[in-house]
Amino acid sequence: AAEALDRLALALGAKTALPVAFEIINEFLKQESSGGGWRFAHAAFNGISQVIEVAKDTDYAIPMQAQVVGCSVMYMSHAEPRVRYMALQAVGQMLLDHGPDVQKNHHEALVPALLQAMDVEQN
């Protein structure tokens, strides 16, 4: 299913796929934060990981990077380890697909969150 989402986003293109995808992703994150369960956040970050590539080299890249960094950093310390993993996976995929732009623009938020996520005793 995840691979199909990736193919669909690439076929539709950033202009069509990203607004719809992020509307659904944001709704899933709202469901999780209002008591819907960790599976909503897990699915949201799985979706981010799949559609993030389509934003590369588009007008959507910079605002989308900021949105993904902002929500990923919050969920890297989630109580559920599977949610933490998917938040880290989404950031990793974004770093892979969008390269040094993310590092230059968002290192101040990402580095402390990544260091905290790697703290074995806490996690």
N, C-alpha and C. Protein backbone atom coordinates (compact mmCIF):
# COMPACT_ATOMS: atom_id res chain seq x y z
N ALA A 1 0.82 -1.20 0.00
CA ALA A 1 0.00 0.00 0.00
C ALA A 1 0.86 1.26 0.00
N ALA A 2 1.97 1.23 0.76
CA ALA A 2 2.83 2.40 0.83
C ALA A 2 3.46 2.70 -0.53
N GLU A 3 3.88 1.66 -1.22
CA GLU A 3 4.47 1.84 -2.54
C GLU A 3 3.45 2.40 -3.52
N ALA A 4 2.22 1.98 -3.40
CA ALA A 4 1.16 2.50 -4.26
C ALA A 4 0.93 3.99 -4.02
N LEU A 5 1.00 4.41 -2.77
CA LEU A 5 0.85 5.83 -2.43
C LEU A 5 1.97 6.64 -3.06
N ASP A 6 3.17 6.11 -3.02
CA ASP A 6 4.32 6.77 -3.64
C ASP A 6 4.10 6.92 -5.14
N ARG A 7 3.69 5.86 -5.80
CA ARG A 7 3.45 5.90 -7.25
C ARG A 7 2.33 6.86 -7.60
N LEU A 8 1.27 6.86 -6.81
CA LEU A 8 0.14 7.76 -7.05
C LEU A 8 0.59 9.21 -6.94
N ALA A 9 1.34 9.54 -5.90
CA ALA A 9 1.82 10.92 -5.72
C ALA A 9 2.72 11.34 -6.88
N LEU A 10 3.60 10.45 -7.32
CA LEU A 10 4.47 10.78 -8.45
C LEU A 10 3.67 10.97 -9.73
N ALA A 11 2.66 10.15 -9.93
CA ALA A 11 1.84 10.26 -11.15
C ALA A 11 1.00 11.54 -11.16
N LEU A 12 0.46 11.91 -10.01
CA LEU A 12 -0.38 13.11 -9.94
C LEU A 12 0.44 14.39 -9.93
N GLY A 13 1.64 14.33 -9.38
CA GLY A 13 2.49 15.50 -9.28
C GLY A 13 2.25 16.26 -8.00
N ALA A 14 3.19 17.14 -7.67
CA ALA A 14 3.16 17.86 -6.41
C ALA A 14 1.94 18.75 -6.26
N LYS A 15 1.58 19.45 -7.32
CA LYS A 15 0.49 20.42 -7.24
C LYS A 15 -0.84 19.76 -6.85
N THR A 16 -1.06 18.56 -7.33
CA THR A 16 -2.30 17.84 -7.02
C THR A 16 -2.18 16.99 -5.77
N ALA A 17 -1.10 16.24 -5.65
CA ALA A 17 -0.98 15.24 -4.60
C ALA A 17 -0.70 15.82 -3.21
N LEU A 18 0.18 16.80 -3.12
CA LEU A 18 0.62 17.26 -1.80
C LEU A 18 -0.48 17.94 -0.98
N PRO A 19 -1.27 18.84 -1.55
CA PRO A 19 -2.32 19.44 -0.71
C PRO A 19 -3.30 18.41 -0.15
N VAL A 20 -3.68 17.45 -0.97
CA VAL A 20 -4.61 16.41 -0.52
C VAL A 20 -3.94 15.51 0.52
N ALA A 21 -2.72 15.10 0.23
CA ALA A 21 -2.00 14.22 1.15
C ALA A 21 -1.82 14.88 2.52
N PHE A 22 -1.40 16.13 2.53
CA PHE A 22 -1.15 16.79 3.80
C PHE A 22 -2.44 17.15 4.54
N GLU A 23 -3.52 17.31 3.82
CA GLU A 23 -4.82 17.49 4.50
C GLU A 23 -5.18 16.22 5.26
N ILE A 24 -5.00 15.08 4.63
CA ILE A 24 -5.29 13.79 5.28
C ILE A 24 -4.31 13.54 6.42
N ILE A 25 -3.04 13.82 6.18
CA ILE A 25 -2.01 13.62 7.22
C ILE A 25 -2.32 14.47 8.44
N ASN A 26 -2.65 15.73 8.22
CA ASN A 26 -2.99 16.62 9.35
C ASN A 26 -4.23 16.13 10.09
N GLU A 27 -5.19 15.60 9.37
CA GLU A 27 -6.39 15.06 10.02
C GLU A 27 -6.03 13.85 10.87
N PHE A 28 -5.15 12.99 10.38
CA PHE A 28 -4.71 11.84 11.17
C PHE A 28 -3.99 12.28 12.44
N LEU A 29 -3.15 13.31 12.33
CA LEU A 29 -2.44 13.80 13.52
C LEU A 29 -3.41 14.41 14.52
N LYS A 30 -4.46 15.07 14.03
CA LYS A 30 -5.48 15.61 14.93
C LYS A 30 -6.22 14.47 15.63
N GLN A 31 -6.53 13.40 14.89
CA GLN A 31 -7.21 12.24 15.47
C GLN A 31 -6.37 11.64 16.59
N GLU A 32 -5.06 11.50 16.34
CA GLU A 32 -4.18 10.92 17.35
C GLU A 32 -4.12 11.80 18.58
N SER A 33 -4.01 13.10 18.38
CA SER A 33 -3.87 14.00 19.54
C SER A 33 -5.17 14.16 20.32
N SER A 34 -6.29 13.81 19.70
CA SER A 34 -7.56 13.90 20.43
C SER A 34 -7.99 12.53 20.98
N GLY A 35 -7.02 11.62 21.12
CA GLY A 35 -7.30 10.35 21.77
C GLY A 35 -7.62 9.20 20.85
N GLY A 36 -7.39 9.37 19.56
CA GLY A 36 -7.70 8.31 18.60
C GLY A 36 -6.72 7.15 18.60
N GLY A 37 -5.59 7.31 19.24
CA GLY A 37 -4.62 6.22 19.30
C GLY A 37 -3.40 6.49 18.45
N TRP A 38 -2.32 5.85 18.83
CA TRP A 38 -1.03 6.07 18.18
C TRP A 38 -1.02 5.65 16.72
N ARG A 39 -1.90 4.75 16.33
CA ARG A 39 -1.90 4.26 14.94
C ARG A 39 -2.16 5.38 13.93
N PHE A 40 -2.90 6.41 14.34
CA PHE A 40 -3.14 7.54 13.44
C PHE A 40 -1.84 8.29 13.16
N ALA A 41 -1.04 8.54 14.18
CA ALA A 41 0.24 9.23 13.98
C ALA A 41 1.19 8.36 13.17
N HIS A 42 1.19 7.07 13.45
CA HIS A 42 2.04 6.13 12.72
C HIS A 42 1.69 6.18 11.23
N ALA A 43 0.41 6.12 10.91
CA ALA A 43 -0.03 6.18 9.51
C ALA A 43 0.31 7.52 8.87
N ALA A 44 0.17 8.60 9.63
CA ALA A 44 0.47 9.93 9.09
C ALA A 44 1.93 10.03 8.68
N PHE A 45 2.83 9.59 9.54
CA PHE A 45 4.25 9.68 9.21
C PHE A 45 4.65 8.69 8.13
N ASN A 46 3.96 7.57 8.05
CA ASN A 46 4.18 6.64 6.95
C ASN A 46 3.79 7.32 5.64
N GLY A 47 2.67 8.03 5.65
CA GLY A 47 2.24 8.77 4.46
C GLY A 47 3.23 9.84 4.07
N ILE A 48 3.72 10.58 5.06
CA ILE A 48 4.72 11.62 4.78
C ILE A 48 5.94 11.00 4.10
N SER A 49 6.40 9.88 4.62
CA SER A 49 7.58 9.23 4.06
C SER A 49 7.38 8.85 2.59
N GLN A 50 6.16 8.52 2.24
CA GLN A 50 5.89 8.08 0.87
C GLN A 50 5.71 9.23 -0.11
N VAL A 51 5.10 10.33 0.31
CA VAL A 51 4.79 11.40 -0.65
C VAL A 51 5.83 12.52 -0.68
N ILE A 52 6.78 12.49 0.22
CA ILE A 52 7.73 13.59 0.35
C ILE A 52 8.61 13.78 -0.88
N GLU A 53 8.89 12.70 -1.56
CA GLU A 53 9.76 12.76 -2.73
C GLU A 53 9.18 13.64 -3.84
N VAL A 54 7.86 13.64 -3.97
CA VAL A 54 7.22 14.36 -5.06
C VAL A 54 7.40 15.88 -4.95
N ALA A 55 7.72 16.38 -3.77
CA ALA A 55 7.91 17.82 -3.57
C ALA A 55 9.29 18.30 -3.99
N LYS A 56 10.18 17.39 -4.22
CA LYS A 56 11.56 17.76 -4.56
C LYS A 56 11.58 18.67 -5.78
N ASP A 57 12.35 19.74 -5.68
CA ASP A 57 12.54 20.70 -6.77
C ASP A 57 11.24 21.35 -7.25
N THR A 58 10.31 21.57 -6.31
CA THR A 58 9.07 22.27 -6.64
C THR A 58 8.91 23.46 -5.71
N ASP A 59 7.90 24.28 -5.98
CA ASP A 59 7.59 25.41 -5.10
C ASP A 59 7.11 24.94 -3.73
N TYR A 60 6.70 23.69 -3.64
CA TYR A 60 6.18 23.14 -2.38
C TYR A 60 7.29 22.69 -1.45
N ALA A 61 8.51 22.57 -1.95
CA ALA A 61 9.58 21.95 -1.18
C ALA A 61 9.86 22.67 0.14
N ILE A 62 10.11 23.96 0.10
CA ILE A 62 10.51 24.68 1.32
C ILE A 62 9.39 24.71 2.36
N PRO A 63 8.14 25.09 1.99
CA PRO A 63 7.08 25.06 3.02
C PRO A 63 6.80 23.66 3.55
N MET A 64 6.88 22.66 2.68
CA MET A 64 6.63 21.28 3.09
C MET A 64 7.71 20.80 4.04
N GLN A 65 8.95 21.17 3.77
CA GLN A 65 10.05 20.79 4.66
C GLN A 65 9.82 21.35 6.06
N ALA A 66 9.43 22.61 6.13
CA ALA A 66 9.17 23.23 7.43
C ALA A 66 8.04 22.53 8.16
N GLN A 67 7.00 22.17 7.44
CA GLN A 67 5.85 21.49 8.06
C GLN A 67 6.26 20.10 8.56
N VAL A 68 7.00 19.37 7.76
CA VAL A 68 7.42 18.02 8.16
C VAL A 68 8.37 18.08 9.35
N VAL A 69 9.33 19.00 9.32
CA VAL A 69 10.26 19.14 10.45
C VAL A 69 9.49 19.49 11.71
N GLY A 70 8.58 20.45 11.62
CA GLY A 70 7.82 20.88 12.79
C GLY A 70 7.05 19.75 13.45
N CYS A 71 6.31 18.98 12.66
CA CYS A 71 5.52 17.91 13.29
C CYS A 71 6.39 16.71 13.64
N SER A 72 7.42 16.43 12.87
CA SER A 72 8.28 15.28 13.18
C SER A 72 9.02 15.48 14.50
N VAL A 73 9.54 16.68 14.72
CA VAL A 73 10.27 16.97 15.95
C VAL A 73 9.37 16.73 17.16
N MET A 74 8.11 17.13 17.07
CA MET A 74 7.18 16.92 18.19
C MET A 74 6.96 15.44 18.47
N TYR A 75 6.90 14.62 17.42
CA TYR A 75 6.58 13.21 17.59
C TYR A 75 7.80 12.32 17.81
N MET A 76 9.01 12.87 17.72
CA MET A 76 10.21 12.07 17.98
C MET A 76 10.33 11.67 19.44
N SER A 77 9.55 12.31 20.31
CA SER A 77 9.56 11.94 21.72
C SER A 77 8.22 11.36 22.16
N HIS A 78 7.45 10.85 21.22
CA HIS A 78 6.14 10.25 21.50
C HIS A 78 6.31 9.03 22.41
N ALA A 79 5.32 8.75 23.20
CA ALA A 79 5.37 7.61 24.12
C ALA A 79 5.46 6.27 23.39
N GLU A 80 4.87 6.18 22.22
CA GLU A 80 4.86 4.93 21.45
C GLU A 80 6.11 4.85 20.57
N PRO A 81 6.95 3.83 20.76
CA PRO A 81 8.18 3.74 19.97
C PRO A 81 7.94 3.61 18.46
N ARG A 82 6.83 3.01 18.06
CA ARG A 82 6.55 2.88 16.62
C ARG A 82 6.26 4.23 15.99
N VAL A 83 5.69 5.15 16.75
CA VAL A 83 5.45 6.51 16.25
C VAL A 83 6.78 7.26 16.17
N ARG A 84 7.62 7.12 17.19
CA ARG A 84 8.94 7.75 17.15
C ARG A 84 9.72 7.27 15.94
N TYR A 85 9.67 5.98 15.68
CA TYR A 85 10.38 5.40 14.54
C TYR A 85 9.89 6.02 13.23
N MET A 86 8.58 6.12 13.07
CA MET A 86 8.05 6.66 11.81
C MET A 86 8.33 8.15 11.67
N ALA A 87 8.35 8.90 12.76
CA ALA A 87 8.72 10.32 12.69
C ALA A 87 10.18 10.45 12.24
N LEU A 88 11.04 9.60 12.77
CA LEU A 88 12.44 9.60 12.35
C LEU A 88 12.57 9.14 10.90
N GLN A 89 11.78 8.17 10.51
CA GLN A 89 11.79 7.67 9.13
C GLN A 89 11.39 8.78 8.16
N ALA A 90 10.38 9.57 8.51
CA ALA A 90 9.93 10.66 7.64
C ALA A 90 11.04 11.70 7.47
N VAL A 91 11.72 12.04 8.56
CA VAL A 91 12.84 12.99 8.47
C VAL A 91 13.96 12.39 7.63
N GLY A 92 14.28 11.13 7.85
CA GLY A 92 15.33 10.48 7.07
C GLY A 92 15.01 10.46 5.59
N GLN A 93 13.77 10.18 5.26
CA GLN A 93 13.37 10.17 3.85
C GLN A 93 13.47 11.56 3.25
N MET A 94 13.07 12.57 4.03
CA MET A 94 13.15 13.94 3.54
C MET A 94 14.62 14.34 3.33
N LEU A 95 15.50 13.96 4.25
CA LEU A 95 16.92 14.26 4.09
C LEU A 95 17.49 13.56 2.86
N LEU A 96 17.04 12.35 2.61
CA LEU A 96 17.50 11.62 1.44
C LEU A 96 17.01 12.27 0.15
N ASP A 97 15.74 12.64 0.12
CA ASP A 97 15.14 13.18 -1.10
C ASP A 97 15.48 14.65 -1.35
N HIS A 98 15.63 15.43 -0.30
CA HIS A 98 15.79 16.87 -0.44
C HIS A 98 17.19 17.37 -0.12
N GLY A 99 18.06 16.46 0.27
CA GLY A 99 19.46 16.77 0.44
C GLY A 99 19.80 17.91 1.37
N PRO A 100 20.82 18.66 0.99
CA PRO A 100 21.37 19.66 1.89
C PRO A 100 20.45 20.84 2.20
N ASP A 101 19.40 21.06 1.42
CA ASP A 101 18.48 22.16 1.73
C ASP A 101 17.88 22.00 3.12
N VAL A 102 17.49 20.80 3.46
CA VAL A 102 16.90 20.55 4.77
C VAL A 102 17.94 20.78 5.86
N GLN A 103 19.12 20.30 5.65
CA GLN A 103 20.18 20.47 6.64
C GLN A 103 20.50 21.94 6.87
N LYS A 104 20.58 22.71 5.79
CA LYS A 104 20.89 24.14 5.92
C LYS A 104 19.76 24.91 6.60
N ASN A 105 18.53 24.59 6.25
CA ASN A 105 17.39 25.38 6.71
C ASN A 105 16.81 24.93 8.05
N HIS A 106 17.04 23.68 8.45
CA HIS A 106 16.33 23.15 9.62
C HIS A 106 17.23 22.45 10.63
N HIS A 107 18.54 22.63 10.53
CA HIS A 107 19.44 21.94 11.46
C HIS A 107 19.21 22.35 12.91
N GLU A 108 18.82 23.61 13.13
CA GLU A 108 18.65 24.08 14.52
C GLU A 108 17.53 23.34 15.24
N ALA A 109 16.52 22.92 14.51
CA ALA A 109 15.43 22.15 15.11
C ALA A 109 15.73 20.65 15.11
N LEU A 110 16.34 20.18 14.03
CA LEU A 110 16.53 18.74 13.87
C LEU A 110 17.63 18.16 14.75
N VAL A 111 18.76 18.80 14.84
CA VAL A 111 19.89 18.21 15.56
C VAL A 111 19.55 17.93 17.03
N PRO A 112 19.02 18.89 17.79
CA PRO A 112 18.67 18.57 19.19
C PRO A 112 17.63 17.46 19.31
N ALA A 113 16.64 17.46 18.40
CA ALA A 113 15.60 16.43 18.45
C ALA A 113 16.18 15.05 18.12
N LEU A 114 17.09 15.00 17.16
CA LEU A 114 17.73 13.73 16.81
C LEU A 114 18.62 13.23 17.94
N LEU A 115 19.35 14.14 18.58
CA LEU A 115 20.18 13.74 19.72
C LEU A 115 19.34 13.20 20.87
N GLN A 116 18.21 13.84 21.12
CA GLN A 116 17.32 13.37 22.17
C GLN A 116 16.73 12.01 21.81
N ALA A 117 16.38 11.82 20.54
CA ALA A 117 15.82 10.54 20.09
C ALA A 117 16.84 9.41 20.22
N MET A 118 18.12 9.74 20.10
CA MET A 118 19.18 8.70 20.20
C MET A 118 19.58 8.41 21.62
N ASP A 119 19.04 9.12 22.58
CA ASP A 119 19.35 8.88 23.99
C ASP A 119 18.75 7.54 24.40
N VAL A 120 19.59 6.52 24.45
CA VAL A 120 19.16 5.15 24.69
C VAL A 120 18.43 5.01 26.02
N GLU A 121 18.90 5.65 27.05
CA GLU A 121 18.30 5.52 28.37
C GLU A 121 16.88 6.06 28.39
N GLN A 122 16.66 7.14 27.65
CA GLN A 122 15.32 7.76 27.64
C GLN A 122 14.37 6.99 26.73
N ASN A 123 14.87 6.49 25.64
CA ASN A 123 14.01 5.85 24.65
C ASN A 123 14.18 4.35 24.69
